[in-house]
Protein backbone atom coordinates (compact mmCIF):
# COMPACT_ATOMS: atom_id res chain seq x y z
CA MET A 1 -29.55 -30.71 -54.04
CA ILE A 2 -26.03 -31.77 -52.92
CA GLN A 3 -24.83 -27.97 -51.52
CA ALA A 4 -27.47 -27.45 -49.32
CA ILE A 5 -27.14 -31.22 -47.28
CA HIS A 6 -22.96 -29.97 -47.55
CA SER A 7 -23.97 -26.67 -45.76
CA ASN A 8 -26.22 -28.26 -43.92
CA LEU A 9 -23.52 -31.16 -42.36
CA LEU A 10 -20.41 -27.93 -42.48
CA LEU A 11 -23.18 -26.52 -40.20
CA ILE A 12 -23.36 -28.75 -37.92
CA ILE A 13 -20.47 -29.46 -37.93
CA TYR A 14 -19.21 -25.99 -36.96
CA ALA A 15 -22.29 -25.73 -34.49
CA LEU A 16 -20.62 -28.24 -32.72
CA THR A 17 -17.13 -27.58 -32.82
CA SER A 18 -17.68 -23.83 -31.76
CA THR A 19 -19.11 -25.36 -29.27
CA ALA A 20 -16.82 -28.10 -27.76
CA GLY A 21 -14.10 -25.16 -28.27
CA LEU A 22 -16.07 -22.85 -25.31
CA VAL A 23 -17.02 -25.41 -23.50
CA LEU A 24 -12.85 -26.34 -23.54
CA ILE A 25 -12.31 -23.28 -22.98
CA LYS A 26 -14.19 -23.05 -19.70
CA LEU A 27 -13.15 -26.08 -18.59
CA ALA A 28 -9.72 -24.48 -18.86
CA GLY A 29 -10.49 -21.47 -17.02
CA GLN A 30 -12.06 -23.08 -13.76
CA ASN A 31 -8.46 -24.09 -12.81
CA GLY A 32 -7.69 -20.13 -12.99
CA ALA A 33 -7.88 -17.94 -16.15
CA PRO A 34 -5.63 -18.74 -19.21
CA ILE A 35 -4.14 -15.11 -19.58
CA SER A 36 -3.01 -12.94 -17.11
CA PHE A 37 -0.89 -10.47 -16.25
CA VAL A 38 1.68 -10.72 -13.60
CA ASP A 39 3.70 -8.11 -12.38
CA GLY A 40 2.19 -6.19 -16.27
CA ARG A 41 3.43 -9.04 -17.98
CA LEU A 42 0.95 -11.30 -20.03
CA HIS A 43 0.95 -14.42 -18.73
CA LEU A 44 0.06 -17.35 -20.60
CA ASN A 45 -1.26 -20.58 -18.62
CA PHE A 46 -2.71 -23.04 -20.93
CA GLY A 47 -3.46 -26.71 -20.54
CA PRO A 48 -4.53 -29.29 -22.77
CA TYR A 49 -8.23 -28.31 -22.20
CA ALA A 50 -7.24 -24.62 -23.28
CA ILE A 51 -4.93 -25.98 -26.24
CA ILE A 52 -7.65 -28.47 -27.68
CA GLY A 53 -11.04 -24.97 -26.77
CA ILE A 54 -8.30 -22.99 -28.86
CA PHE A 55 -7.81 -25.43 -31.31
CA LEU A 56 -11.12 -26.27 -32.49
CA TYR A 57 -12.84 -22.65 -32.19
CA GLY A 58 -10.23 -22.05 -35.14
CA VAL A 59 -11.18 -24.80 -37.02
CA SER A 60 -15.19 -23.40 -36.06
CA PHE A 61 -13.76 -19.93 -37.38
CA LEU A 62 -12.30 -21.28 -40.52
CA LEU A 63 -15.48 -23.13 -40.93
CA TYR A 64 -17.36 -20.51 -40.36
CA THR A 65 -16.31 -18.14 -43.00
CA TYR A 66 -16.44 -20.91 -45.43
CA LEU A 67 -20.05 -20.85 -44.84
CA ILE A 68 -20.92 -17.23 -44.69
CA SER A 69 -18.72 -16.86 -47.70
CA LYS A 70 -21.15 -20.14 -49.81
CA ASN A 71 -24.13 -19.40 -48.03
CA ASP A 72 -26.56 -16.17 -47.10
CA LEU A 73 -25.44 -14.56 -44.56
CA SER A 74 -29.49 -13.96 -43.39
CA TYR A 75 -29.86 -17.55 -43.37
CA ILE A 76 -26.37 -18.90 -41.55
CA ILE A 77 -25.93 -16.11 -38.76
CA PRO A 78 -29.08 -16.67 -37.28
CA ILE A 79 -28.90 -21.15 -37.40
CA SER A 80 -25.45 -21.40 -35.98
CA THR A 81 -25.89 -18.67 -33.25
CA ALA A 82 -29.07 -20.75 -32.16
CA LEU A 83 -27.39 -24.62 -32.22
CA ILE A 84 -24.44 -22.50 -31.05
CA TYR A 85 -26.28 -21.25 -27.78
CA ILE A 86 -28.80 -24.20 -27.56
CA GLY A 87 -25.14 -26.88 -27.76
CA ILE A 88 -23.93 -24.50 -25.02
CA PHE A 89 -27.23 -24.68 -22.94
CA PHE A 90 -26.79 -27.96 -22.69
CA ALA A 91 -23.47 -27.90 -22.07
CA SER A 92 -23.98 -25.62 -19.07
CA TYR A 93 -26.48 -27.91 -18.05
CA PHE A 94 -24.86 -30.79 -17.66
CA LEU A 95 -21.28 -30.27 -17.42
CA PHE A 96 -21.11 -26.74 -14.77
CA HIS A 97 -24.41 -27.92 -13.61
CA GLU A 98 -25.80 -24.26 -14.50
CA ALA A 99 -30.09 -23.36 -12.83
CA LEU A 100 -32.10 -25.18 -15.74
CA THR A 101 -34.98 -22.21 -15.86
CA ALA A 102 -38.93 -22.02 -17.52
CA LEU A 103 -37.28 -19.30 -18.35
CA LYS A 104 -34.48 -21.03 -20.14
CA ILE A 105 -36.29 -23.24 -21.25
CA THR A 106 -39.30 -21.13 -22.80
CA GLY A 107 -36.41 -19.09 -24.76
CA ILE A 108 -35.16 -22.45 -25.99
CA LEU A 109 -38.28 -23.68 -27.56
CA LEU A 110 -38.94 -20.10 -29.48
CA ILE A 111 -34.96 -20.60 -30.79
CA LEU A 112 -36.32 -24.22 -32.12
CA GLY A 113 -38.77 -22.25 -33.52
CA GLY A 114 -37.19 -19.99 -35.22
CA VAL A 115 -34.94 -21.81 -36.87
CA VAL A 116 -37.68 -24.23 -37.84
CA LEU A 117 -39.24 -21.02 -39.25
CA LEU A 118 -35.99 -20.20 -41.38
CA HIS A 119 -35.01 -22.87 -42.34
CA LEU A 120 -38.68 -23.72 -44.45
CA SER A 121 -38.21 -20.58 -45.86
CA LYS A 122 -34.93 -21.12 -47.21
């Protein structure tokens, strides 16, 4: 029981850090690409959003490796992917003003239904 609560909490933290990292990297890219080639040379333009985003995404990677080492892949991968997709969906709508269509909402509802079914089967 404690192990399940621990894994679920880590899964939520993983999804939040991954989503936040991706959103911050996207925000950093709005002022120009953080990585580019100038005159055939690699040019890094990392501002605070990019640095924090890369750090959070790195933390999420470490959490992910721990989660997949301790849990069934057939459970962790679909659940984590769904949670991140839903987080990105809402962040994209509220922060980047991306379109909210009936088809996207239907997709989110189907994903949520799948997450519930996967969680119940565990």
